[in-house]
C-alpha atoms as a PDB file:
ATOM      1  CA  UNK A   1     -19.248  29.410   3.048  1.00  0.00           C
ATOM      2  CA  UNK A   2     -17.941  29.234  -0.521  1.00  0.00           C
ATOM      3  CA  UNK A   3     -14.406  28.079  -1.329  1.00  0.00           C
ATOM      4  CA  UNK A   4     -13.167  31.630  -2.019  1.00  0.00           C
ATOM      5  CA  UNK A   5     -14.283  32.816   1.430  1.00  0.00           C
ATOM      6  CA  UNK A   6     -12.889  29.702   3.109  1.00  0.00           C
ATOM      7  CA  UNK A   7      -9.544  30.117   1.340  1.00  0.00           C
ATOM      8  CA  UNK A   8      -9.430  33.773   2.337  1.00  0.00           C
ATOM      9  CA  UNK A   9     -10.061  32.836   5.962  1.00  0.00           C
ATOM     10  CA  UNK A  10      -7.422  30.079   5.851  1.00  0.00           C
ATOM     11  CA  UNK A  11      -4.853  32.409   4.275  1.00  0.00           C
ATOM     12  CA  UNK A  12      -5.482  35.089   6.907  1.00  0.00           C
ATOM     13  CA  UNK A  13      -5.139  32.544   9.713  1.00  0.00           C
ATOM     14  CA  UNK A  14      -1.924  31.195   8.148  1.00  0.00           C
ATOM     15  CA  UNK A  15      -0.531  34.731   7.946  1.00  0.00           C
ATOM     16  CA  UNK A  16      -1.389  35.212  11.616  1.00  0.00           C
ATOM     17  CA  UNK A  17       0.067  31.834  12.633  1.00  0.00           C
ATOM     18  CA  UNK A  18       3.338  32.447  10.799  1.00  0.00           C
ATOM     19  CA  UNK A  19       4.089  35.342  13.165  1.00  0.00           C
ATOM     20  CA  UNK A  20       4.229  32.974  16.166  1.00  0.00           C
ATOM     21  CA  UNK A  21       7.332  31.107  15.009  1.00  0.00           C
ATOM     22  CA  UNK A  22      10.723  32.220  16.204  1.00  0.00           C
ATOM     23  CA  UNK A  23      14.229  31.007  15.451  1.00  0.00           C
ATOM     24  CA  UNK A  24      16.753  30.310  18.182  1.00  0.00           C
ATOM     25  CA  UNK A  25      20.354  29.115  18.208  1.00  0.00           C
ATOM     26  CA  UNK A  26      20.796  25.462  19.031  1.00  0.00           C
ATOM     27  CA  UNK A  27      23.926  23.779  20.407  1.00  0.00           C
ATOM     28  CA  UNK A  28      25.793  24.541  17.201  1.00  0.00           C
ATOM     29  CA  UNK A  29      26.084  28.345  17.027  1.00  0.00           C
ATOM     30  CA  UNK A  30      25.648  28.223  13.252  1.00  0.00           C
ATOM     31  CA  UNK A  31      22.438  26.194  13.493  1.00  0.00           C
ATOM     32  CA  UNK A  32      19.093  27.847  14.106  1.00  0.00           C
ATOM     33  CA  UNK A  33      15.871  26.000  14.815  1.00  0.00           C
ATOM     34  CA  UNK A  34      12.259  27.112  14.795  1.00  0.00           C
ATOM     35  CA  UNK A  35      10.088  27.107  17.887  1.00  0.00           C
ATOM     36  CA  UNK A  36       6.700  28.515  18.796  1.00  0.00           C
ATOM     37  CA  UNK A  37       6.627  31.713  20.794  1.00  0.00           C
ATOM     38  CA  UNK A  38       5.168  31.390  24.295  1.00  0.00           C
ATOM     39  CA  UNK A  39       2.187  33.526  23.343  1.00  0.00           C
ATOM     40  CA  UNK A  40       1.202  31.308  20.391  1.00  0.00           C
ATOM     41  CA  UNK A  41      -2.540  30.567  20.377  1.00  0.00           C
ATOM     42  CA  UNK A  42      -3.681  27.144  21.602  1.00  0.00           C
ATOM     43  CA  UNK A  43      -5.125  26.281  18.192  1.00  0.00           C
ATOM     44  CA  UNK A  44      -1.666  26.747  16.638  1.00  0.00           C
ATOM     45  CA  UNK A  45      -0.050  24.644  19.377  1.00  0.00           C
ATOM     46  CA  UNK A  46      -2.635  21.928  18.662  1.00  0.00           C
ATOM     47  CA  UNK A  47      -1.949  22.146  14.923  1.00  0.00           C
ATOM     48  CA  UNK A  48       1.793  21.782  15.533  1.00  0.00           C
ATOM     49  CA  UNK A  49       1.224  18.747  17.782  1.00  0.00           C
ATOM     50  CA  UNK A  50      -1.024  17.108  15.170  1.00  0.00           C
ATOM     51  CA  UNK A  51       1.376  17.835  12.317  1.00  0.00           C
ATOM     52  CA  UNK A  52       4.279  16.387  14.318  1.00  0.00           C
ATOM     53  CA  UNK A  53       2.478  13.019  14.431  1.00  0.00           C
ATOM     54  CA  UNK A  54       5.031  10.517  15.801  1.00  0.00           C
ATOM     55  CA  UNK A  55       7.945  12.972  15.657  1.00  0.00           C
ATOM     56  CA  UNK A  56       7.236  15.245  18.622  1.00  0.00           C
ATOM     57  CA  UNK A  57       9.318  17.308  19.102  1.00  0.00           C
ATOM     58  CA  UNK A  58      11.397  17.431  15.953  1.00  0.00           C
ATOM     59  CA  UNK A  59      13.361  20.322  14.451  1.00  0.00           C
ATOM     60  CA  UNK A  60      12.705  19.265  10.866  1.00  0.00           C
ATOM     61  CA  UNK A  61       8.970  18.909  11.519  1.00  0.00           C
ATOM     62  CA  UNK A  62       8.880  22.437  12.964  1.00  0.00           C
ATOM     63  CA  UNK A  63      10.664  23.662   9.833  1.00  0.00           C
ATOM     64  CA  UNK A  64       8.251  21.803   7.526  1.00  0.00           C
ATOM     65  CA  UNK A  65       5.189  22.968   9.490  1.00  0.00           C
ATOM     66  CA  UNK A  66       6.366  26.573   9.309  1.00  0.00           C
ATOM     67  CA  UNK A  67       7.102  26.204   5.580  1.00  0.00           C
ATOM     68  CA  UNK A  68       3.607  24.777   5.016  1.00  0.00           C
ATOM     69  CA  UNK A  69       1.953  27.614   6.929  1.00  0.00           C
ATOM     70  CA  UNK A  70       4.097  30.140   5.058  1.00  0.00           C
ATOM     71  CA  UNK A  71       3.246  28.574   1.681  1.00  0.00           C
ATOM     72  CA  UNK A  72      -0.467  28.710   2.488  1.00  0.00           C
ATOM     73  CA  UNK A  73      -0.171  32.311   3.686  1.00  0.00           C
ATOM     74  CA  UNK A  74       1.421  33.249   0.328  1.00  0.00           C
ATOM     75  CA  UNK A  75      -1.589  31.958  -1.636  1.00  0.00           C
ATOM     76  CA  UNK A  76      -4.309  33.990  -3.277  1.00  0.00           C
ATOM     77  CA  UNK A  77      -7.928  33.377  -2.249  1.00  0.00           C
ATOM     78  CA  UNK A  78      -8.813  32.116  -5.741  1.00  0.00           C
ATOM     79  CA  UNK A  79      -5.952  29.597  -5.706  1.00  0.00           C
ATOM     80  CA  UNK A  80      -6.579  25.895  -5.072  1.00  0.00           C
ATOM     81  CA  UNK A  81      -4.880  25.148  -1.739  1.00  0.00           C
ATOM     82  CA  UNK A  82      -4.456  21.534  -2.848  1.00  0.00           C
ATOM     83  CA  UNK A  83      -1.885  22.816  -5.333  1.00  0.00           C
ATOM     84  CA  UNK A  84       0.403  24.238  -2.634  1.00  0.00           C
ATOM     85  CA  UNK A  85       3.696  22.373  -2.767  1.00  0.00           C
ATOM     86  CA  UNK A  86       6.852  22.147  -0.649  1.00  0.00           C
ATOM     87  CA  UNK A  87      10.006  21.071  -2.462  1.00  0.00           C
ATOM     88  CA  UNK A  88      12.566  18.673  -1.058  1.00  0.00           C
ATOM     89  CA  UNK A  89      16.011  20.038  -0.268  1.00  0.00           C
ATOM     90  CA  UNK A  90      18.507  20.078  -3.114  1.00  0.00           C
ATOM     91  CA  UNK A  91      21.736  19.887  -1.117  1.00  0.00           C
ATOM     92  CA  UNK A  92      23.077  16.438  -0.260  1.00  0.00           C
ATOM     93  CA  UNK A  93      24.309  17.441   3.177  1.00  0.00           C
ATOM     94  CA  UNK A  94      20.836  18.781   4.105  1.00  0.00           C
ATOM     95  CA  UNK A  95      19.191  15.578   2.922  1.00  0.00           C
ATOM     96  CA  UNK A  96      21.634  13.396   4.828  1.00  0.00           C
ATOM     97  CA  UNK A  97      21.161  15.517   7.966  1.00  0.00           C
ATOM     98  CA  UNK A  98      17.380  15.097   7.601  1.00  0.00           C
ATOM     99  CA  UNK A  99      17.662  11.323   7.189  1.00  0.00           C
ATOM    100  CA  UNK A 100      20.090  10.931  10.093  1.00  0.00           C
ATOM    101  CA  UNK A 101      17.998  12.999  12.483  1.00  0.00           C
ATOM    102  CA  UNK A 102      15.484  10.214  13.122  1.00  0.00           C
ATOM    103  CA  UNK A 103      15.606   6.570  12.070  1.00  0.00           C
ATOM    104  CA  UNK A 104      11.855   6.660  11.347  1.00  0.00           C
ATOM    105  CA  UNK A 105      12.712   8.690   8.274  1.00  0.00           C
ATOM    106  CA  UNK A 106      14.109   5.598   6.579  1.00  0.00           C
ATOM    107  CA  UNK A 107      10.466   4.471   6.260  1.00  0.00           C
ATOM    108  CA  UNK A 108       9.719   7.536   4.103  1.00  0.00           C
ATOM    109  CA  UNK A 109      12.536   6.506   1.777  1.00  0.00           C
ATOM    110  CA  UNK A 110      11.218   2.940   1.624  1.00  0.00           C
ATOM    111  CA  UNK A 111       7.690   4.212   0.922  1.00  0.00           C
ATOM    112  CA  UNK A 112       8.973   6.576  -1.759  1.00  0.00           C
ATOM    113  CA  UNK A 113      10.817   3.772  -3.487  1.00  0.00           C
ATOM    114  CA  UNK A 114       7.661   1.642  -3.534  1.00  0.00           C
ATOM    115  CA  UNK A 115       5.213   4.431  -4.409  1.00  0.00           C
ATOM    116  CA  UNK A 116       7.284   6.040  -7.153  1.00  0.00           C
ATOM    117  CA  UNK A 117       8.530   2.739  -8.577  1.00  0.00           C
ATOM    118  CA  UNK A 118      12.157   3.678  -8.111  1.00  0.00           C
ATOM    119  CA  UNK A 119      14.273   0.758  -9.263  1.00  0.00           C
ATOM    120  CA  UNK A 120      17.865   0.845  -8.053  1.00  0.00           C
ATOM    121  CA  UNK A 121      17.888   4.582  -7.301  1.00  0.00           C
ATOM    122  CA  UNK A 122      21.051   6.270  -6.141  1.00  0.00           C
ATOM    123  CA  UNK A 123      21.098   7.125  -2.445  1.00  0.00           C
ATOM    124  CA  UNK A 124      20.455  10.857  -2.848  1.00  0.00           C
ATOM    125  CA  UNK A 125      17.470  10.266  -5.160  1.00  0.00           C
ATOM    126  CA  UNK A 126      16.004   7.886  -2.602  1.00  0.00           C
ATOM    127  CA  UNK A 127      16.524  10.333   0.268  1.00  0.00           C
ATOM    128  CA  UNK A 128      15.155  13.255  -1.782  1.00  0.00           C
ATOM    129  CA  UNK A 129      11.982  11.333  -2.565  1.00  0.00           C
ATOM    130  CA  UNK A 130      11.695  10.224   1.060  1.00  0.00           C
ATOM    131  CA  UNK A 131      11.947  13.795   2.280  1.00  0.00           C
ATOM    132  CA  UNK A 132       9.410  14.849  -0.334  1.00  0.00           C
ATOM    133  CA  UNK A 133       6.987  12.284   1.072  1.00  0.00           C
ATOM    134  CA  UNK A 134       7.397  13.680   4.586  1.00  0.00           C
ATOM    135  CA  UNK A 135       6.939  17.272   3.389  1.00  0.00           C
ATOM    136  CA  UNK A 136       3.809  16.239   1.481  1.00  0.00           C
ATOM    137  CA  UNK A 137       2.468  14.526   4.609  1.00  0.00           C
ATOM    138  CA  UNK A 138       3.153  17.555   6.819  1.00  0.00           C
ATOM    139  CA  UNK A 139       1.601  19.925   4.301  1.00  0.00           C
ATOM    140  CA  UNK A 140      -1.529  17.758   4.099  1.00  0.00           C
ATOM    141  CA  UNK A 141      -1.802  17.648   7.909  1.00  0.00           C
ATOM    142  CA  UNK A 142      -1.387  21.428   8.162  1.00  0.00           C
ATOM    143  CA  UNK A 143      -3.883  22.051   5.352  1.00  0.00           C
ATOM    144  CA  UNK A 144      -6.467  19.728   6.955  1.00  0.00           C
ATOM    145  CA  UNK A 145      -6.024  21.428  10.338  1.00  0.00           C
ATOM    146  CA  UNK A 146      -6.368  24.888   8.797  1.00  0.00           C
ATOM    147  CA  UNK A 147      -9.542  23.866   6.945  1.00  0.00           C
ATOM    148  CA  UNK A 148     -10.964  22.401  10.148  1.00  0.00           C
ATOM    149  CA  UNK A 149     -10.154  25.559  12.111  1.00  0.00           C
ATOM    150  CA  UNK A 150     -11.721  27.847   9.504  1.00  0.00           C
ATOM    151  CA  UNK A 151     -14.825  25.851   8.517  1.00  0.00           C
END
């Protein structure tokens, strides 16, 4: 199978998978979270478990997984799927909520500081780069799973 055909198959599967996410109200009536619908295919449930890694279950991971699937589904078959990108949040309160949701996320900030050579960054820059690292990781896990499912 050539890369065009593989990409086309991956994009179609991503479009199909994106329909199995649903938003529900959480404890806070203004806050919605994403979940999988009961009728989601097993291969999507497996992908979500794999992409959660050590964070199962996690509202932000569900959001990032859905965003990754959506970004892939928006691609064209002749596009390089390695160029798909998820951007970190731009609002401070969203970044702080992300960081505070799980103490493991501090490690992403530490890794970002080391990897990007950030010397004495302000707190928001550090958190933004940490979140970017997690989004990149989730996107890579989703992309690898989609390639594996479609190969």
